Amino acid sequence: MKRSTTALAAGGAAALLLLTACTAGPDDDGESPGPAPSWPSQAPGERWQPRPGTGWQWQLSGELDTSVDVPVYDIDGFNTSKEQVAALKKDGRRTVCYISAGAWEDFRPDAGDFPESMLGKGNGWEGERWLDIRRLAELEPLMAKRFDMCRDKGFDAVEPDNMDAYRNTSGFPVTADDQLKFNRFVAKLAHDRGMAVGLKNDLDQIPELVGDFDFAVNEQCAEYDECEELTPFIKAGKAVFHAEYDLPPSRFCKQSRRLKLSSLQKKLELGPWRKSC
């Protein structure tokens, strides 16, 4: 779950999807991103696993900007076409499919498939409500369709969002054990389809889940002084894709380099704009 619930929440997640791309370059400070890092070769059928320090771009709103010279693009699964994924892959990029796993979104085409009884309290973003993640049997076919979509569009991996309901007021008595079961269920959905999967936030359960996930995605660990908690992924040789919203790179890049995080400053709407370490 995105931690910041600033004025953007009032605008609504649906409005974000309609934003146009910014006119500034991908790195607004004039920084040259340099050559894209390479990744190890893989045998046919072997699941991709990004290494610590792998560069990335995270864009969930606006017109897709494919000019950022990095090896990994994390982009919206519903709003990105199969042709766009293919074009990125032709350019040598790996692609990560962003979907919400633990929350319902009223602006998605499958919103009507979720029963009302499964929808909990709002998660701080207009049009979004927590799901009752304890109901795995009912959630499986709904989530499977989303993961099938990611696979069929050619994505290499999935970034499932809203993976920490037990730490929030979801409207359901979700326990830490419930969360572990759900997160492992999500990881299996990705792995069964040959895709890698990232653990989104959920810092407290990293020691128990690092073996189930291929990389991590984190928001604001520097602002909340939590980045050290991500080291189990780095020690396991797995990338940590990290973004800050309110802190400039001068406030977190030194630590990010020490910890081998793949760090960006992004604006909260997660459009094309970025500053990298």
C-alpha atoms as a PDB file:
ATOM      1  CA  MET A   1       0.000   0.000   0.000  1.00  0.00           C
ATOM      2  CA  LYS A   2       1.223   3.495  -0.765  1.00  0.00           C
ATOM      3  CA  ARG A   3       1.840   5.083   2.604  1.00  0.00           C
ATOM      4  CA  SER A   4       1.262   8.752   1.813  1.00  0.00           C
ATOM      5  CA  THR A   5      -2.380   9.831   1.983  1.00  0.00           C
ATOM      6  CA  THR A   6      -1.973  13.467   1.023  1.00  0.00           C
ATOM      7  CA  ALA A   7      -4.250  15.596  -1.123  1.00  0.00           C
ATOM      8  CA  LEU A   8      -3.768  13.121  -3.956  1.00  0.00           C
ATOM      9  CA  ALA A   9      -6.271  10.791  -2.312  1.00  0.00           C
ATOM     10  CA  ALA A  10      -9.009  13.322  -2.888  1.00  0.00           C
ATOM     11  CA  GLY A  11      -8.247  13.323  -6.607  1.00  0.00           C
ATOM     12  CA  GLY A  12      -8.762   9.606  -6.741  1.00  0.00           C
ATOM     13  CA  ALA A  13      -6.755   6.797  -8.203  1.00  0.00           C
ATOM     14  CA  ALA A  14      -8.914   6.785 -11.307  1.00  0.00           C
ATOM     15  CA  ALA A  15      -7.915  10.339 -12.120  1.00  0.00           C
ATOM     16  CA  LEU A  16      -4.278   9.368 -12.030  1.00  0.00           C
ATOM     17  CA  LEU A  17      -4.784   7.044 -14.936  1.00  0.00           C
ATOM     18  CA  LEU A  18      -5.814   9.978 -17.108  1.00  0.00           C
ATOM     19  CA  LEU A  19      -2.794  12.166 -16.460  1.00  0.00           C
ATOM     20  CA  THR A  20      -0.733  13.148 -19.451  1.00  0.00           C
ATOM     21  CA  ALA A  21       3.000  12.642 -19.553  1.00  0.00           C
ATOM     22  CA  CYS A  22       5.166  15.467 -18.231  1.00  0.00           C
ATOM     23  CA  THR A  23       7.188  17.414 -20.740  1.00  0.00           C
ATOM     24  CA  ALA A  24      10.430  17.347 -18.780  1.00  0.00           C
ATOM     25  CA  GLY A  25      12.942  14.598 -19.403  1.00  0.00           C
ATOM     26  CA  PRO A  26      12.897  11.396 -17.351  1.00  0.00           C
ATOM     27  CA  ASP A  27      15.606  12.741 -15.020  1.00  0.00           C
ATOM     28  CA  ASP A  28      14.520  16.306 -14.357  1.00  0.00           C
ATOM     29  CA  ASP A  29      17.797  17.306 -12.718  1.00  0.00           C
ATOM     30  CA  GLY A  30      19.681  16.729 -15.959  1.00  0.00           C
ATOM     31  CA  GLU A  31      21.339  13.622 -14.583  1.00  0.00           C
ATOM     32  CA  SER A  32      22.375  11.118 -17.216  1.00  0.00           C
ATOM     33  CA  PRO A  33      21.131   7.651 -16.274  1.00  0.00           C
ATOM     34  CA  GLY A  34      24.091   6.006 -17.977  1.00  0.00           C
ATOM     35  CA  PRO A  35      24.118   2.571 -19.591  1.00  0.00           C
ATOM     36  CA  ALA A  36      21.559   0.049 -18.465  1.00  0.00           C
ATOM     37  CA  PRO A  37      23.072  -2.603 -16.170  1.00  0.00           C
ATOM     38  CA  SER A  38      23.121  -6.131 -17.473  1.00  0.00           C
ATOM     39  CA  TRP A  39      21.576  -9.141 -15.778  1.00  0.00           C
ATOM     40  CA  PRO A  40      22.779 -12.734 -15.756  1.00  0.00           C
ATOM     41  CA  SER A  41      21.772 -14.957 -18.610  1.00  0.00           C
ATOM     42  CA  GLN A  42      19.031 -17.442 -17.869  1.00  0.00           C
ATOM     43  CA  ALA A  43      18.192 -20.874 -19.120  1.00  0.00           C
ATOM     44  CA  PRO A  44      14.956 -21.213 -21.089  1.00  0.00           C
ATOM     45  CA  GLY A  45      12.055 -21.343 -18.667  1.00  0.00           C
ATOM     46  CA  GLU A  46      14.111 -20.092 -15.742  1.00  0.00           C
ATOM     47  CA  ARG A  47      12.367 -17.417 -13.718  1.00  0.00           C
ATOM     48  CA  TRP A  48      13.877 -13.935 -13.813  1.00  0.00           C
ATOM     49  CA  GLN A  49      15.340 -12.623 -10.570  1.00  0.00           C
ATOM     50  CA  PRO A  50      16.763  -9.085 -10.601  1.00  0.00           C
ATOM     51  CA  ARG A  51      20.009  -8.499  -8.743  1.00  0.00           C
ATOM     52  CA  PRO A  52      20.696  -5.785  -6.163  1.00  0.00           C
ATOM     53  CA  GLY A  53      21.420  -2.416  -7.746  1.00  0.00           C
ATOM     54  CA  THR A  54      19.431  -3.068 -10.941  1.00  0.00           C
ATOM     55  CA  GLY A  55      18.126   0.225 -12.349  1.00  0.00           C
ATOM     56  CA  TRP A  56      14.404   0.719 -12.811  1.00  0.00           C
ATOM     57  CA  GLN A  57      11.596   3.029 -13.839  1.00  0.00           C
ATOM     58  CA  TRP A  58       8.244   3.035 -12.038  1.00  0.00           C
ATOM     59  CA  GLN A  59       5.371   4.599 -13.967  1.00  0.00           C
ATOM     60  CA  LEU A  60       1.707   3.998 -13.154  1.00  0.00           C
ATOM     61  CA  SER A  61       0.062   7.075 -14.686  1.00  0.00           C
ATOM     62  CA  GLY A  62       0.299   9.170 -17.818  1.00  0.00           C
ATOM     63  CA  GLU A  63       1.430   8.309 -21.313  1.00  0.00           C
ATOM     64  CA  LEU A  64       4.093   5.617 -21.089  1.00  0.00           C
ATOM     65  CA  ASP A  65       7.587   7.077 -21.568  1.00  0.00           C
ATOM     66  CA  THR A  66       9.861   4.354 -22.942  1.00  0.00           C
ATOM     67  CA  SER A  67      12.959   6.555 -23.233  1.00  0.00           C
ATOM     68  CA  VAL A  68      14.377   5.924 -19.741  1.00  0.00           C
ATOM     69  CA  ASP A  69      17.621   3.990 -20.140  1.00  0.00           C
ATOM     70  CA  VAL A  70      17.153   1.366 -17.436  1.00  0.00           C
ATOM     71  CA  PRO A  71      16.733  -2.413 -17.617  1.00  0.00           C
ATOM     72  CA  VAL A  72      13.458  -2.664 -15.665  1.00  0.00           C
ATOM     73  CA  TYR A  73      10.063  -1.010 -16.189  1.00  0.00           C
ATOM     74  CA  ASP A  74       7.392  -1.407 -13.494  1.00  0.00           C
ATOM     75  CA  ILE A  75       4.123  -0.351 -15.168  1.00  0.00           C
ATOM     76  CA  ASP A  76       0.355  -0.721 -14.804  1.00  0.00           C
ATOM     77  CA  GLY A  77      -0.863  -4.155 -15.866  1.00  0.00           C
ATOM     78  CA  PHE A  78      -4.327  -3.075 -17.002  1.00  0.00           C
ATOM     79  CA  ASN A  79      -3.342   0.094 -18.854  1.00  0.00           C
ATOM     80  CA  THR A  80      -0.264  -1.277 -20.630  1.00  0.00           C
ATOM     81  CA  SER A  81      -0.892  -3.132 -23.866  1.00  0.00           C
ATOM     82  CA  LYS A  82       0.698  -6.342 -25.055  1.00  0.00           C
ATOM     83  CA  GLU A  83       2.295  -4.350 -27.861  1.00  0.00           C
ATOM     84  CA  GLN A  84       3.885  -1.890 -25.427  1.00  0.00           C
ATOM     85  CA  VAL A  85       5.303  -4.746 -23.364  1.00  0.00           C
ATOM     86  CA  ALA A  86       6.676  -6.355 -26.523  1.00  0.00           C
ATOM     87  CA  ALA A  87       8.300  -3.090 -27.586  1.00  0.00           C
ATOM     88  CA  LEU A  88      10.010  -2.716 -24.215  1.00  0.00           C
ATOM     89  CA  LYS A  89      11.227  -6.293 -24.335  1.00  0.00           C
ATOM     90  CA  LYS A  90      12.528  -5.770 -27.870  1.00  0.00           C
ATOM     91  CA  ASP A  91      14.630  -2.929 -26.454  1.00  0.00           C
ATOM     92  CA  GLY A  92      16.072  -5.280 -23.860  1.00  0.00           C
ATOM     93  CA  ARG A  93      13.904  -4.218 -20.927  1.00  0.00           C
ATOM     94  CA  ARG A  94      12.392  -6.446 -18.284  1.00  0.00           C
ATOM     95  CA  THR A  95       8.798  -5.610 -17.449  1.00  0.00           C
ATOM     96  CA  VAL A  96       6.928  -5.759 -14.128  1.00  0.00           C
ATOM     97  CA  CYS A  97       3.115  -5.846 -14.078  1.00  0.00           C
ATOM     98  CA  TYR A  98       1.598  -3.633 -11.373  1.00  0.00           C
ATOM     99  CA  ILE A  99      -1.727  -4.868 -10.008  1.00  0.00           C
ATOM    100  CA  SER A 100      -3.562  -4.474  -6.720  1.00  0.00           C
ATOM    101  CA  ALA A 101      -3.779  -7.814  -4.943  1.00  0.00           C
ATOM    102  CA  GLY A 102      -5.064  -6.885  -1.500  1.00  0.00           C
ATOM    103  CA  ALA A 103      -7.488  -4.095  -2.374  1.00  0.00           C
ATOM    104  CA  TRP A 104     -10.451  -3.614  -4.696  1.00  0.00           C
ATOM    105  CA  GLU A 105     -10.439  -0.732  -7.201  1.00  0.00           C
ATOM    106  CA  ASP A 106     -13.741   0.531  -8.579  1.00  0.00           C
ATOM    107  CA  PHE A 107     -12.103   1.781 -11.793  1.00  0.00           C
ATOM    108  CA  ARG A 108     -10.821  -1.609 -12.976  1.00  0.00           C
ATOM    109  CA  PRO A 109     -12.746  -3.569 -15.638  1.00  0.00           C
ATOM    110  CA  ASP A 110     -13.158  -6.554 -13.297  1.00  0.00           C
ATOM    111  CA  ALA A 111     -14.498  -4.512 -10.359  1.00  0.00           C
ATOM    112  CA  GLY A 112     -17.957  -6.063 -10.697  1.00  0.00           C
ATOM    113  CA  ASP A 113     -16.563  -9.569 -10.234  1.00  0.00           C
ATOM    114  CA  PHE A 114     -15.834  -9.026  -6.539  1.00  0.00           C
ATOM    115  CA  PRO A 115     -18.751  -9.692  -4.148  1.00  0.00           C
ATOM    116  CA  GLU A 116     -19.725  -6.798  -1.884  1.00  0.00           C
ATOM    117  CA  SER A 117     -19.190  -8.938   1.204  1.00  0.00           C
ATOM    118  CA  MET A 118     -15.504  -9.209   0.302  1.00  0.00           C
ATOM    119  CA  LEU A 119     -14.981  -5.441   0.312  1.00  0.00           C
ATOM    120  CA  GLY A 120     -13.813  -3.768   3.494  1.00  0.00           C
ATOM    121  CA  LYS A 121     -12.901  -0.251   4.514  1.00  0.00           C
ATOM    122  CA  GLY A 122     -11.212   2.278   2.277  1.00  0.00           C
ATOM    123  CA  ASN A 123      -7.425   2.144   2.130  1.00  0.00           C
ATOM    124  CA  GLY A 124      -6.933   5.918   1.877  1.00  0.00           C
ATOM    125  CA  TRP A 125      -7.312   6.133  -1.901  1.00  0.00           C
ATOM    126  CA  GLU A 126     -10.578   7.135  -3.508  1.00  0.00           C
ATOM    127  CA  GLY A 127     -12.313   4.198  -5.158  1.00  0.00           C
ATOM    128  CA  GLU A 128     -10.242   1.582  -3.302  1.00  0.00           C
ATOM    129  CA  ARG A 129     -11.264  -0.751  -0.474  1.00  0.00           C
ATOM    130  CA  TRP A 130      -9.423  -3.508   1.336  1.00  0.00           C
ATOM    131  CA  LEU A 131     -10.287  -7.076   0.376  1.00  0.00           C
ATOM    132  CA  ASP A 132     -10.974  -9.854   2.854  1.00  0.00           C
ATOM    133  CA  ILE A 133      -7.757 -11.701   2.120  1.00  0.00           C
ATOM    134  CA  ARG A 134      -8.782 -14.620   4.340  1.00  0.00           C
ATOM    135  CA  ARG A 135     -11.178 -15.837   1.618  1.00  0.00           C
ATOM    136  CA  LEU A 136      -8.512 -17.464  -0.531  1.00  0.00           C
ATOM    137  CA  ALA A 137     -10.793 -19.948  -2.282  1.00  0.00           C
ATOM    138  CA  GLU A 138     -13.008 -17.143  -3.560  1.00  0.00           C
ATOM    139  CA  LEU A 139     -10.114 -14.839  -4.353  1.00  0.00           C
ATOM    140  CA  GLU A 140      -8.150 -17.409  -6.333  1.00  0.00           C
ATOM    141  CA  PRO A 141     -10.138 -17.286  -9.604  1.00  0.00           C
ATOM    142  CA  LEU A 142     -10.374 -13.476  -9.416  1.00  0.00           C
ATOM    143  CA  MET A 143      -6.654 -13.006  -8.871  1.00  0.00           C
ATOM    144  CA  ALA A 144      -5.773 -15.767 -11.314  1.00  0.00           C
ATOM    145  CA  LYS A 145      -7.417 -13.750 -14.099  1.00  0.00           C
ATOM    146  CA  ARG A 146      -5.229 -10.780 -13.276  1.00  0.00           C
ATOM    147  CA  PHE A 147      -2.070 -12.870 -13.216  1.00  0.00           C
ATOM    148  CA  ASP A 148      -3.109 -14.538 -16.464  1.00  0.00           C
ATOM    149  CA  MET A 149      -3.454 -11.056 -17.961  1.00  0.00           C
ATOM    150  CA  CYS A 150       0.087 -10.181 -16.900  1.00  0.00           C
ATOM    151  CA  ARG A 151       1.455 -13.418 -18.326  1.00  0.00           C
ATOM    152  CA  ASP A 152      -0.489 -13.140 -21.573  1.00  0.00           C
ATOM    153  CA  LYS A 153       0.771  -9.596 -22.141  1.00  0.00           C
ATOM    154  CA  GLY A 154       4.331 -10.880 -21.824  1.00  0.00           C
ATOM    155  CA  PHE A 155       5.360  -9.427 -18.470  1.00  0.00           C
ATOM    156  CA  ASP A 156       8.363 -10.939 -16.712  1.00  0.00           C
ATOM    157  CA  ALA A 157       7.155 -10.228 -13.197  1.00  0.00           C
ATOM    158  CA  VAL A 158       4.328  -8.920 -11.032  1.00  0.00           C
ATOM    159  CA  GLU A 159       4.239  -6.154  -8.428  1.00  0.00           C
ATOM    160  CA  PRO A 160       1.185  -6.963  -6.266  1.00  0.00           C
ATOM    161  CA  ASP A 161       0.150  -3.959  -4.174  1.00  0.00           C
ATOM    162  CA  ASN A 162      -1.683  -3.702  -0.837  1.00  0.00           C
ATOM    163  CA  MET A 163       0.075  -6.651   0.775  1.00  0.00           C
ATOM    164  CA  ASP A 164      -0.137  -5.466   4.390  1.00  0.00           C
ATOM    165  CA  ALA A 165      -3.820  -5.445   5.362  1.00  0.00           C
ATOM    166  CA  TYR A 166      -3.038  -6.859   8.804  1.00  0.00           C
ATOM    167  CA  ARG A 167      -1.175  -3.642   9.634  1.00  0.00           C
ATOM    168  CA  ASN A 168      -4.112  -1.464   8.604  1.00  0.00           C
ATOM    169  CA  THR A 169      -7.762  -0.936   9.530  1.00  0.00           C
ATOM    170  CA  SER A 170      -9.167  -3.117   6.776  1.00  0.00           C
ATOM    171  CA  GLY A 171     -12.617  -3.832   8.210  1.00  0.00           C
ATOM    172  CA  PHE A 172     -11.711  -7.486   8.725  1.00  0.00           C
ATOM    173  CA  PRO A 173      -9.908  -9.255  11.626  1.00  0.00           C
ATOM    174  CA  VAL A 174      -6.882 -10.086   9.505  1.00  0.00           C
ATOM    175  CA  THR A 175      -3.970 -11.549  11.457  1.00  0.00           C
ATOM    176  CA  ALA A 176      -0.269 -11.701  10.645  1.00  0.00           C
ATOM    177  CA  ASP A 177      -0.703 -15.388   9.853  1.00  0.00           C
ATOM    178  CA  ASP A 178      -3.555 -14.582   7.465  1.00  0.00           C
ATOM    179  CA  GLN A 179      -1.263 -12.102   5.725  1.00  0.00           C
ATOM    180  CA  LEU A 180       1.539 -14.624   5.377  1.00  0.00           C
ATOM    181  CA  LYS A 181      -0.854 -17.137   3.820  1.00  0.00           C
ATOM    182  CA  PHE A 182      -2.220 -14.562   1.400  1.00  0.00           C
ATOM    183  CA  ASN A 183       1.190 -13.237   0.391  1.00  0.00           C
ATOM    184  CA  ARG A 184       2.484 -16.735  -0.282  1.00  0.00           C
ATOM    185  CA  PHE A 185      -0.703 -17.467  -2.225  1.00  0.00           C
ATOM    186  CA  VAL A 186       0.014 -14.409  -4.389  1.00  0.00           C
ATOM    187  CA  ALA A 187       3.637 -15.443  -4.904  1.00  0.00           C
ATOM    188  CA  LYS A 188       2.523 -18.904  -6.024  1.00  0.00           C
ATOM    189  CA  LEU A 189       0.087 -17.422  -8.558  1.00  0.00           C
ATOM    190  CA  ALA A 190       3.005 -15.614 -10.179  1.00  0.00           C
ATOM    191  CA  HIS A 191       5.455 -18.502 -10.000  1.00  0.00           C
ATOM    192  CA  ASP A 192       2.943 -20.987 -11.416  1.00  0.00           C
ATOM    193  CA  ARG A 193       2.785 -18.756 -14.489  1.00  0.00           C
ATOM    194  CA  GLY A 194       6.567 -18.491 -14.849  1.00  0.00           C
ATOM    195  CA  MET A 195       6.739 -14.911 -13.592  1.00  0.00           C
ATOM    196  CA  ALA A 196       8.808 -13.383 -10.827  1.00  0.00           C
ATOM    197  CA  VAL A 197       7.028 -11.550  -8.021  1.00  0.00           C
ATOM    198  CA  GLY A 198       7.956  -8.695  -5.697  1.00  0.00           C
ATOM    199  CA  LEU A 199       7.023  -8.193  -2.054  1.00  0.00           C
ATOM    200  CA  LYS A 200       5.464  -4.733  -1.721  1.00  0.00           C
ATOM    201  CA  ASN A 201       6.311  -3.047   1.599  1.00  0.00           C
ATOM    202  CA  ASP A 202       5.215  -5.413   4.480  1.00  0.00           C
ATOM    203  CA  LEU A 203       8.571  -4.889   6.142  1.00  0.00           C
ATOM    204  CA  ASP A 204       7.773  -6.771   9.341  1.00  0.00           C
ATOM    205  CA  GLN A 205       7.300 -10.055   7.482  1.00  0.00           C
ATOM    206  CA  ILE A 206      10.378  -9.847   5.269  1.00  0.00           C
ATOM    207  CA  PRO A 207      12.339 -12.457   7.282  1.00  0.00           C
ATOM    208  CA  GLU A 208       9.507 -14.960   6.750  1.00  0.00           C
ATOM    209  CA  LEU A 209       8.783 -14.072   3.113  1.00  0.00           C
ATOM    210  CA  VAL A 210      12.166 -13.345   1.521  1.00  0.00           C
ATOM    211  CA  GLY A 211      12.386 -16.940   0.310  1.00  0.00           C
ATOM    212  CA  ASP A 212       8.983 -16.729  -1.379  1.00  0.00           C
ATOM    213  CA  PHE A 213       9.600 -13.536  -3.362  1.00  0.00           C
ATOM    214  CA  ASP A 214      12.122 -12.668  -6.075  1.00  0.00           C
ATOM    215  CA  PHE A 215      12.593  -8.980  -5.243  1.00  0.00           C
ATOM    216  CA  ALA A 216      11.089  -6.255  -3.073  1.00  0.00           C
ATOM    217  CA  VAL A 217       9.348  -2.969  -3.856  1.00  0.00           C
ATOM    218  CA  ASN A 218       9.379  -0.345  -1.137  1.00  0.00           C
ATOM    219  CA  GLU A 219       8.013   3.138  -0.628  1.00  0.00           C
ATOM    220  CA  GLN A 220       9.592   5.658   1.723  1.00  0.00           C
ATOM    221  CA  CYS A 221      11.883   3.440   3.781  1.00  0.00           C
ATOM    222  CA  ALA A 222      14.346   6.334   4.069  1.00  0.00           C
ATOM    223  CA  GLU A 223      11.700   8.781   5.286  1.00  0.00           C
ATOM    224  CA  TYR A 224      10.583   6.287   7.928  1.00  0.00           C
ATOM    225  CA  ASP A 225      14.129   5.109   8.769  1.00  0.00           C
ATOM    226  CA  GLU A 226      13.355   1.517   7.761  1.00  0.00           C
ATOM    227  CA  CYS A 227      15.728   0.751   4.884  1.00  0.00           C
ATOM    228  CA  GLU A 228      17.927  -1.559   6.944  1.00  0.00           C
ATOM    229  CA  GLU A 229      14.938  -3.887   7.266  1.00  0.00           C
ATOM    230  CA  LEU A 230      15.211  -4.653   3.545  1.00  0.00           C
ATOM    231  CA  THR A 231      18.717  -6.129   3.792  1.00  0.00           C
ATOM    232  CA  PRO A 232      17.516  -9.774   3.820  1.00  0.00           C
ATOM    233  CA  PHE A 233      16.595  -9.355   0.148  1.00  0.00           C
ATOM    234  CA  ILE A 234      19.989  -7.865  -0.675  1.00  0.00           C
ATOM    235  CA  LYS A 235      21.801 -10.636   1.213  1.00  0.00           C
ATOM    236  CA  ALA A 236      19.778 -13.162  -0.787  1.00  0.00           C
ATOM    237  CA  GLY A 237      20.989 -11.535  -4.026  1.00  0.00           C
ATOM    238  CA  LYS A 238      17.558 -10.044  -4.789  1.00  0.00           C
ATOM    239  CA  ALA A 239      16.913  -6.454  -5.867  1.00  0.00           C
ATOM    240  CA  VAL A 240      15.088  -3.899  -3.730  1.00  0.00           C
ATOM    241  CA  PHE A 241      13.283  -1.343  -5.900  1.00  0.00           C
ATOM    242  CA  HIS A 242      12.810   1.704  -3.686  1.00  0.00           C
ATOM    243  CA  ALA A 243      11.073   5.066  -4.133  1.00  0.00           C
ATOM    244  CA  GLU A 244      10.860   8.222  -2.035  1.00  0.00           C
ATOM    245  CA  TYR A 245       8.311  10.988  -2.549  1.00  0.00           C
ATOM    246  CA  ASP A 246       9.124  13.761  -0.094  1.00  0.00           C
ATOM    247  CA  LEU A 247      12.889  13.390   0.304  1.00  0.00           C
ATOM    248  CA  PRO A 248      15.343  14.612  -2.367  1.00  0.00           C
ATOM    249  CA  PRO A 249      18.082  12.213  -3.515  1.00  0.00           C
ATOM    250  CA  SER A 250      20.621  14.059  -1.379  1.00  0.00           C
ATOM    251  CA  ARG A 251      18.760  12.774   1.674  1.00  0.00           C
ATOM    252  CA  PHE A 252      18.748   9.068   0.812  1.00  0.00           C
ATOM    253  CA  CYS A 253      21.124   8.165  -2.019  1.00  0.00           C
ATOM    254  CA  LYS A 254      24.237   7.736   0.131  1.00  0.00           C
ATOM    255  CA  GLN A 255      22.446   5.192   2.289  1.00  0.00           C
ATOM    256  CA  SER A 256      20.865   3.557  -0.761  1.00  0.00           C
ATOM    257  CA  ARG A 257      24.251   3.012  -2.362  1.00  0.00           C
ATOM    258  CA  ARG A 258      25.594   1.537   0.881  1.00  0.00           C
ATOM    259  CA  LEU A 259      22.645  -0.825   1.149  1.00  0.00           C
ATOM    260  CA  LYS A 260      22.638  -1.600  -2.618  1.00  0.00           C
ATOM    261  CA  LEU A 261      19.058  -0.439  -3.078  1.00  0.00           C
ATOM    262  CA  SER A 262      17.698   0.599  -6.485  1.00  0.00           C
ATOM    263  CA  SER A 263      16.411   4.003  -5.432  1.00  0.00           C
ATOM    264  CA  LEU A 264      14.398   6.760  -7.096  1.00  0.00           C
ATOM    265  CA  GLN A 265      12.693   9.965  -6.145  1.00  0.00           C
ATOM    266  CA  LYS A 266       9.211  10.004  -7.669  1.00  0.00           C
ATOM    267  CA  LYS A 267       6.228  12.307  -7.564  1.00  0.00           C
ATOM    268  CA  LEU A 268       3.236  10.819  -5.800  1.00  0.00           C
ATOM    269  CA  GLU A 269       1.207  10.358  -8.988  1.00  0.00           C
ATOM    270  CA  LEU A 270       3.948   8.029 -10.290  1.00  0.00           C
ATOM    271  CA  GLY A 271       4.110   9.529 -13.752  1.00  0.00           C
ATOM    272  CA  PRO A 272       7.220   9.484 -15.970  1.00  0.00           C
ATOM    273  CA  TRP A 273       9.211  11.983 -13.871  1.00  0.00           C
ATOM    274  CA  ARG A 274      12.051  10.520 -11.840  1.00  0.00           C
ATOM    275  CA  LYS A 275      15.374  11.287 -10.199  1.00  0.00           C
ATOM    276  CA  SER A 276      17.717   8.380  -9.616  1.00  0.00           C
ATOM    277  CA  CYS A 277      20.647   7.859  -7.289  1.00  0.00           C
END
